[in-house]
Amino acid sequence: MNEKALQLIHDALRPHMRIGSGVDLSRLRLMVCPLSDIAKRDYVNTEYGRLRIWPAEYVPKGFAYIIEDPGRIGRVFAWVRRKSNNQNEVLTNEQTRSC
């Protein structure tokens, strides 16, 4: 797997995986474009454990997001994306509220 992509995934997960946050990695999914290379995999190994990969037809190639399964108030959502000028950026929950 591409190291830059893996780093973006780690950066998106990090704020949500703090001790005491109540987030269970097994309830998270990495939503990706079905045409992307990563969509061929079932999971990706992260520093926090295995993250499920879920192809989603409405996610454009080059974009991805992490979302928690429904059922918890304040569920996790984090964009994982690359800016067009080749600078990497991760949008946190606080930043996506204003989008």
Protein backbone atom coordinates (compact mmCIF):
# COMPACT_ATOMS: atom_id res chain seq x y z
CA MET A 1 0.00 0.00 0.00
CA ASN A 2 1.11 3.54 -0.76
CA GLU A 3 2.89 5.03 2.30
CA LYS A 4 1.38 8.49 1.74
CA ALA A 5 -2.13 7.03 1.67
CA LEU A 6 -1.44 5.06 4.84
CA GLN A 7 -0.15 8.21 6.55
CA LEU A 8 -3.33 10.10 5.59
CA ILE A 9 -5.43 7.30 7.09
CA HIS A 10 -3.39 7.36 10.32
CA ASP A 11 -3.71 11.15 10.51
CA ALA A 12 -7.50 10.93 10.12
CA LEU A 13 -7.79 8.18 12.76
CA ARG A 14 -5.44 9.67 15.36
CA PRO A 15 -7.78 12.28 16.90
CA HIS A 16 -10.53 9.68 17.32
CA MET A 17 -8.45 6.86 18.80
CA ARG A 18 -7.37 8.60 22.01
CA ILE A 19 -7.62 6.53 25.18
CA GLY A 20 -11.04 7.07 26.71
CA SER A 21 -12.64 8.32 23.49
CA GLY A 22 -15.00 5.34 23.37
CA VAL A 23 -14.24 4.67 19.71
CA ASP A 24 -13.95 1.00 18.71
CA LEU A 25 -11.90 0.48 15.53
CA SER A 26 -14.07 -2.51 14.60
CA ARG A 27 -17.00 -0.07 14.17
CA LEU A 28 -15.14 2.14 11.70
CA ARG A 29 -15.07 1.90 7.90
CA LEU A 30 -12.83 3.53 5.33
CA MET A 31 -15.18 4.54 2.50
CA VAL A 32 -13.38 4.61 -0.86
CA CYS A 33 -14.10 4.82 -4.59
CA PRO A 34 -14.86 1.35 -6.01
CA LEU A 35 -12.44 2.04 -8.88
CA SER A 36 -9.47 2.80 -6.62
CA ASP A 37 -6.70 0.28 -6.01
CA ILE A 38 -7.41 0.15 -2.28
CA ALA A 39 -11.02 -0.93 -2.96
CA LYS A 40 -9.69 -4.37 -3.92
CA ARG A 41 -8.66 -4.94 -0.31
CA ASP A 42 -10.89 -5.95 2.59
CA TYR A 43 -8.96 -4.04 5.23
CA VAL A 44 -5.85 -1.98 5.88
CA ASN A 45 -3.53 -2.54 8.85
CA THR A 46 -3.13 0.68 10.82
CA GLU A 47 -1.20 1.48 13.97
CA TYR A 48 -4.51 0.99 15.81
CA GLY A 49 -5.44 -2.35 14.20
CA ARG A 50 -7.41 -3.43 11.13
CA LEU A 51 -9.64 -0.85 9.46
CA ARG A 52 -12.35 -2.20 7.14
CA ILE A 53 -12.39 -0.89 3.58
CA TRP A 54 -15.82 -0.27 2.10
CA PRO A 55 -16.20 0.70 -1.60
CA ALA A 56 -18.92 3.37 -1.97
CA GLU A 57 -20.19 4.31 -5.40
CA TYR A 58 -20.60 8.02 -4.55
CA VAL A 59 -17.01 8.54 -3.38
CA PRO A 60 -14.92 10.00 -6.24
CA LYS A 61 -11.50 8.56 -6.99
CA GLY A 62 -8.82 10.31 -4.95
CA PHE A 63 -11.12 10.88 -1.96
CA ALA A 64 -12.00 8.77 1.05
CA TYR A 65 -13.55 9.17 4.46
CA ILE A 66 -13.74 7.26 7.71
CA ILE A 67 -17.14 6.78 9.30
CA GLU A 68 -18.39 4.88 12.32
CA ASP A 69 -21.29 2.44 12.10
CA PRO A 70 -24.56 4.01 13.31
CA GLY A 71 -25.65 3.65 16.89
CA ARG A 72 -23.43 5.97 18.90
CA ILE A 73 -24.12 9.65 19.60
CA GLY A 74 -21.30 11.75 18.21
CA ARG A 75 -20.18 9.06 15.81
CA VAL A 76 -16.83 9.40 14.06
CA PHE A 77 -16.52 11.08 10.67
CA ALA A 78 -13.24 12.22 9.13
CA TRP A 79 -12.31 13.12 5.54
CA VAL A 80 -9.13 11.62 4.14
CA ARG A 81 -8.09 13.52 1.03
CA ARG A 82 -5.25 14.91 -1.01
CA LYS A 83 -5.36 18.52 -2.16
CA SER A 84 -5.00 19.19 -5.87
CA ASN A 85 -1.68 21.00 -5.35
CA ASN A 86 -0.19 17.75 -3.97
CA GLN A 87 -0.23 18.93 -0.35
CA ASN A 88 -1.86 16.41 1.96
CA GLU A 89 -4.71 17.54 4.16
CA VAL A 90 -6.99 15.86 6.65
CA LEU A 91 -10.28 17.50 7.61
CA THR A 92 -11.41 16.83 11.16
CA ASN A 93 -14.99 16.80 12.46
CA GLU A 94 -14.70 20.45 13.46
CA GLN A 95 -13.66 21.49 9.96
CA THR A 96 -16.36 19.45 8.20
CA ARG A 97 -19.15 21.06 10.25
CA SER A 98 -18.58 24.32 8.38
CA CYS A 99 -18.58 22.65 4.92
